[in-house]
């Protein structure tokens, strides 16, 4: 992915080596994770105990094909669509 638009703001090497923990992969967590993934963050740890339900689709970053999947797994897969080199650790826990 080309990160040219942010190159004068942040050093891409530092972002790609950064790690982020997202606790709760609902509306805010999934949106924040997507924004950071598109910036090129290299390491994510995702925590959530829920699955993707139909009522999650309008306000969360999930796709119809994610219905019934664990939110941490679905969000990890979506992140990988934007940056295949991202390392994802997912915990399905309360």
N, C-alpha and C. Protein backbone atom coordinates (compact mmCIF):
# COMPACT_ATOMS: atom_id res chain seq x y z
N UNK A 1 0.84 -1.16 0.00
CA UNK A 1 0.00 0.00 0.00
C UNK A 1 0.90 1.24 0.00
N UNK A 2 0.49 2.26 -0.69
CA UNK A 2 1.25 3.50 -0.79
C UNK A 2 0.79 4.47 0.29
N UNK A 3 1.71 4.84 1.16
CA UNK A 3 1.38 5.74 2.28
C UNK A 3 1.92 7.14 2.04
N UNK A 4 2.04 7.56 0.79
CA UNK A 4 2.64 8.83 0.42
C UNK A 4 1.95 10.03 1.07
N UNK A 5 0.64 9.96 1.25
CA UNK A 5 -0.11 11.12 1.76
C UNK A 5 0.23 11.43 3.22
N UNK A 6 0.75 10.46 3.95
CA UNK A 6 1.10 10.72 5.34
C UNK A 6 2.61 10.77 5.57
N UNK A 7 3.37 10.67 4.49
CA UNK A 7 4.83 10.58 4.63
C UNK A 7 5.45 11.83 5.24
N UNK A 8 4.83 12.99 5.07
CA UNK A 8 5.39 14.20 5.67
C UNK A 8 4.92 14.40 7.11
N UNK A 9 4.03 13.54 7.60
CA UNK A 9 3.52 13.65 8.96
C UNK A 9 4.20 12.69 9.93
N UNK A 10 4.40 11.46 9.49
CA UNK A 10 4.95 10.42 10.35
C UNK A 10 5.94 9.56 9.57
N UNK A 11 6.86 8.96 10.29
CA UNK A 11 7.83 8.07 9.67
C UNK A 11 7.20 6.69 9.51
N UNK A 12 7.02 6.24 8.29
CA UNK A 12 6.31 4.99 8.03
C UNK A 12 6.98 3.79 8.69
N UNK A 13 8.29 3.80 8.78
CA UNK A 13 8.98 2.69 9.43
C UNK A 13 8.57 2.53 10.88
N UNK A 14 8.35 3.64 11.57
CA UNK A 14 7.91 3.58 12.96
C UNK A 14 6.48 3.06 13.06
N UNK A 15 5.63 3.50 12.16
CA UNK A 15 4.24 3.04 12.19
C UNK A 15 4.16 1.54 11.91
N UNK A 16 4.90 1.08 10.93
CA UNK A 16 4.83 -0.34 10.57
C UNK A 16 5.38 -1.24 11.67
N UNK A 17 6.18 -0.69 12.57
CA UNK A 17 6.70 -1.46 13.71
C UNK A 17 5.89 -1.25 14.98
N UNK A 18 4.86 -0.40 14.91
CA UNK A 18 4.03 -0.10 16.08
C UNK A 18 3.05 -1.23 16.35
N UNK A 19 2.72 -1.37 17.63
CA UNK A 19 1.70 -2.35 18.01
C UNK A 19 0.57 -1.64 18.74
N UNK A 20 -0.63 -2.14 18.53
CA UNK A 20 -1.84 -1.55 19.10
C UNK A 20 -2.71 -2.67 19.66
N UNK A 21 -3.30 -2.42 20.83
CA UNK A 21 -4.29 -3.33 21.40
C UNK A 21 -5.66 -2.67 21.29
N UNK A 22 -6.61 -3.41 20.77
CA UNK A 22 -7.99 -2.94 20.64
C UNK A 22 -8.83 -3.82 21.56
N UNK A 23 -9.39 -3.21 22.60
CA UNK A 23 -10.22 -3.95 23.55
C UNK A 23 -11.67 -3.60 23.25
N UNK A 24 -12.34 -4.54 22.61
CA UNK A 24 -13.71 -4.33 22.15
C UNK A 24 -13.70 -4.01 20.66
N UNK A 25 -14.23 -4.91 19.87
CA UNK A 25 -14.19 -4.78 18.40
C UNK A 25 -15.56 -4.42 17.84
N UNK A 26 -16.29 -3.61 18.58
CA UNK A 26 -17.59 -3.14 18.13
C UNK A 26 -17.46 -1.92 17.24
N UNK A 27 -18.40 -0.98 17.38
CA UNK A 27 -18.44 0.19 16.50
C UNK A 27 -17.15 1.00 16.59
N UNK A 28 -16.76 1.41 17.79
CA UNK A 28 -15.55 2.24 17.93
C UNK A 28 -14.29 1.43 17.68
N UNK A 29 -14.21 0.24 18.27
CA UNK A 29 -13.00 -0.57 18.12
C UNK A 29 -12.72 -0.96 16.68
N UNK A 30 -13.76 -1.36 15.96
CA UNK A 30 -13.54 -1.76 14.56
C UNK A 30 -13.17 -0.56 13.70
N UNK A 31 -13.77 0.60 13.97
CA UNK A 31 -13.44 1.80 13.19
C UNK A 31 -12.01 2.27 13.47
N UNK A 32 -11.61 2.27 14.72
CA UNK A 32 -10.24 2.66 15.08
C UNK A 32 -9.24 1.68 14.47
N UNK A 33 -9.53 0.40 14.57
CA UNK A 33 -8.63 -0.62 13.99
C UNK A 33 -8.47 -0.42 12.49
N UNK A 34 -9.57 -0.12 11.80
CA UNK A 34 -9.49 0.08 10.35
C UNK A 34 -8.67 1.32 10.02
N UNK A 35 -8.87 2.40 10.75
CA UNK A 35 -8.10 3.62 10.49
C UNK A 35 -6.61 3.37 10.70
N UNK A 36 -6.27 2.68 11.78
CA UNK A 36 -4.86 2.39 12.06
C UNK A 36 -4.27 1.41 11.04
N UNK A 37 -5.07 0.44 10.61
CA UNK A 37 -4.60 -0.50 9.59
C UNK A 37 -4.30 0.22 8.29
N UNK A 38 -5.16 1.15 7.92
CA UNK A 38 -4.94 1.91 6.69
C UNK A 38 -3.76 2.86 6.79
N UNK A 39 -3.36 3.21 8.03
CA UNK A 39 -2.16 4.02 8.22
C UNK A 39 -0.90 3.16 8.16
N UNK A 40 -1.06 1.83 8.29
CA UNK A 40 0.08 0.93 8.18
C UNK A 40 0.61 0.37 9.48
N UNK A 41 -0.17 0.46 10.58
CA UNK A 41 0.27 -0.15 11.83
C UNK A 41 0.52 -1.63 11.59
N UNK A 42 1.63 -2.14 12.12
CA UNK A 42 2.07 -3.49 11.78
C UNK A 42 1.61 -4.60 12.69
N UNK A 43 1.20 -4.28 13.92
CA UNK A 43 0.87 -5.33 14.90
C UNK A 43 -0.40 -4.95 15.66
N UNK A 44 -1.38 -5.85 15.65
CA UNK A 44 -2.63 -5.64 16.36
C UNK A 44 -2.88 -6.80 17.32
N UNK A 45 -3.35 -6.46 18.51
CA UNK A 45 -3.90 -7.44 19.44
C UNK A 45 -5.36 -7.07 19.63
N UNK A 46 -6.25 -7.98 19.29
CA UNK A 46 -7.69 -7.72 19.33
C UNK A 46 -8.34 -8.55 20.42
N UNK A 47 -9.21 -7.89 21.21
CA UNK A 47 -9.93 -8.56 22.30
C UNK A 47 -11.43 -8.31 22.12
N UNK A 48 -12.21 -9.38 22.11
CA UNK A 48 -13.66 -9.28 22.11
C UNK A 48 -14.22 -10.68 22.28
N UNK A 49 -15.37 -10.80 22.92
CA UNK A 49 -15.98 -12.11 23.16
C UNK A 49 -17.25 -12.33 22.34
N UNK A 50 -17.51 -11.45 21.39
CA UNK A 50 -18.77 -11.47 20.65
C UNK A 50 -18.57 -12.02 19.24
N UNK A 51 -19.69 -12.37 18.63
CA UNK A 51 -19.69 -12.76 17.22
C UNK A 51 -20.37 -11.65 16.41
N UNK A 52 -20.16 -11.67 15.12
CA UNK A 52 -20.79 -10.68 14.24
C UNK A 52 -22.24 -11.09 14.01
N UNK A 53 -23.15 -10.20 14.38
CA UNK A 53 -24.58 -10.40 14.18
C UNK A 53 -25.09 -9.39 13.15
N UNK A 54 -26.27 -9.66 12.64
CA UNK A 54 -26.85 -8.79 11.62
C UNK A 54 -27.00 -7.34 12.10
N UNK A 55 -27.32 -7.16 13.38
CA UNK A 55 -27.47 -5.79 13.88
C UNK A 55 -26.15 -5.03 13.97
N UNK A 56 -25.02 -5.73 13.84
CA UNK A 56 -23.71 -5.07 13.85
C UNK A 56 -23.37 -4.44 12.50
N UNK A 57 -23.96 -4.90 11.44
CA UNK A 57 -23.56 -4.48 10.10
C UNK A 57 -23.73 -2.98 9.81
N UNK A 58 -24.80 -2.33 10.26
CA UNK A 58 -24.95 -0.92 9.91
C UNK A 58 -23.93 0.02 10.53
N UNK A 59 -23.41 -0.30 11.73
CA UNK A 59 -22.55 0.66 12.40
C UNK A 59 -21.17 0.12 12.78
N UNK A 60 -20.83 -1.04 12.29
CA UNK A 60 -19.50 -1.61 12.53
C UNK A 60 -18.87 -1.97 11.20
N UNK A 61 -17.59 -2.25 11.18
CA UNK A 61 -16.84 -2.43 9.94
C UNK A 61 -16.98 -3.82 9.32
N UNK A 62 -17.93 -4.60 9.75
CA UNK A 62 -18.05 -5.98 9.27
C UNK A 62 -18.85 -6.09 7.98
N UNK A 63 -18.65 -7.22 7.31
CA UNK A 63 -19.29 -7.48 6.03
C UNK A 63 -20.35 -8.58 6.21
N UNK A 64 -21.25 -8.70 5.28
CA UNK A 64 -22.29 -9.73 5.35
C UNK A 64 -21.67 -11.10 5.47
N UNK A 65 -20.59 -11.33 4.78
CA UNK A 65 -19.91 -12.63 4.84
C UNK A 65 -19.30 -12.95 6.20
N UNK A 66 -19.21 -11.96 7.09
CA UNK A 66 -18.65 -12.16 8.42
C UNK A 66 -19.69 -12.63 9.44
N UNK A 67 -20.97 -12.63 9.06
CA UNK A 67 -22.02 -13.02 10.00
C UNK A 67 -21.73 -14.38 10.62
N UNK A 68 -21.82 -14.45 11.94
CA UNK A 68 -21.58 -15.69 12.67
C UNK A 68 -20.13 -15.92 13.06
N UNK A 69 -19.21 -15.13 12.51
CA UNK A 69 -17.79 -15.27 12.85
C UNK A 69 -17.49 -14.51 14.14
N UNK A 70 -16.44 -14.92 14.82
CA UNK A 70 -15.97 -14.15 15.96
C UNK A 70 -15.54 -12.78 15.47
N UNK A 71 -15.88 -11.73 16.21
CA UNK A 71 -15.50 -10.38 15.80
C UNK A 71 -13.99 -10.24 15.66
N UNK A 72 -13.23 -10.84 16.57
CA UNK A 72 -11.77 -10.71 16.49
C UNK A 72 -11.22 -11.35 15.22
N UNK A 73 -11.79 -12.48 14.81
CA UNK A 73 -11.33 -13.14 13.58
C UNK A 73 -11.75 -12.36 12.34
N UNK A 74 -12.99 -11.89 12.33
CA UNK A 74 -13.49 -11.14 11.18
C UNK A 74 -12.72 -9.84 11.01
N UNK A 75 -12.49 -9.11 12.11
CA UNK A 75 -11.77 -7.85 12.02
C UNK A 75 -10.32 -8.09 11.62
N UNK A 76 -9.71 -9.14 12.12
CA UNK A 76 -8.35 -9.48 11.70
C UNK A 76 -8.27 -9.74 10.21
N UNK A 77 -9.25 -10.44 9.67
CA UNK A 77 -9.27 -10.73 8.23
C UNK A 77 -9.45 -9.46 7.41
N UNK A 78 -10.29 -8.54 7.90
CA UNK A 78 -10.51 -7.28 7.18
C UNK A 78 -9.23 -6.45 7.20
N UNK A 79 -8.57 -6.38 8.34
CA UNK A 79 -7.31 -5.65 8.44
C UNK A 79 -6.30 -6.20 7.44
N UNK A 80 -6.22 -7.52 7.36
CA UNK A 80 -5.27 -8.17 6.44
C UNK A 80 -5.58 -7.85 4.97
N UNK A 81 -6.83 -7.53 4.65
CA UNK A 81 -7.17 -7.13 3.28
C UNK A 81 -6.43 -5.85 2.89
N UNK A 82 -6.23 -4.96 3.85
CA UNK A 82 -5.56 -3.68 3.58
C UNK A 82 -4.06 -3.78 3.73
N UNK A 83 -3.60 -4.65 4.61
CA UNK A 83 -2.16 -4.80 4.83
C UNK A 83 -1.87 -6.26 5.16
N UNK A 84 -1.56 -7.07 4.16
CA UNK A 84 -1.36 -8.51 4.37
C UNK A 84 -0.20 -8.84 5.30
N UNK A 85 0.73 -7.92 5.49
CA UNK A 85 1.88 -8.18 6.35
C UNK A 85 1.61 -7.91 7.83
N UNK A 86 0.45 -7.37 8.14
CA UNK A 86 0.10 -7.06 9.52
C UNK A 86 0.03 -8.35 10.34
N UNK A 87 0.56 -8.29 11.55
CA UNK A 87 0.50 -9.44 12.47
C UNK A 87 -0.69 -9.21 13.39
N UNK A 88 -1.58 -10.20 13.42
CA UNK A 88 -2.80 -10.12 14.23
C UNK A 88 -2.76 -11.18 15.31
N UNK A 89 -2.99 -10.78 16.54
CA UNK A 89 -3.20 -11.72 17.65
C UNK A 89 -4.61 -11.44 18.14
N UNK A 90 -5.44 -12.49 18.18
CA UNK A 90 -6.85 -12.31 18.52
C UNK A 90 -7.21 -13.14 19.74
N UNK A 91 -7.92 -12.51 20.66
CA UNK A 91 -8.39 -13.19 21.87
C UNK A 91 -9.90 -13.06 21.96
N UNK A 92 -10.57 -14.20 21.96
CA UNK A 92 -12.02 -14.22 22.12
C UNK A 92 -12.30 -14.39 23.62
N UNK A 93 -12.24 -13.26 24.35
CA UNK A 93 -12.36 -13.32 25.81
C UNK A 93 -13.14 -12.12 26.32
N UNK A 94 -13.69 -12.27 27.49
CA UNK A 94 -14.41 -11.18 28.16
C UNK A 94 -13.42 -10.27 28.83
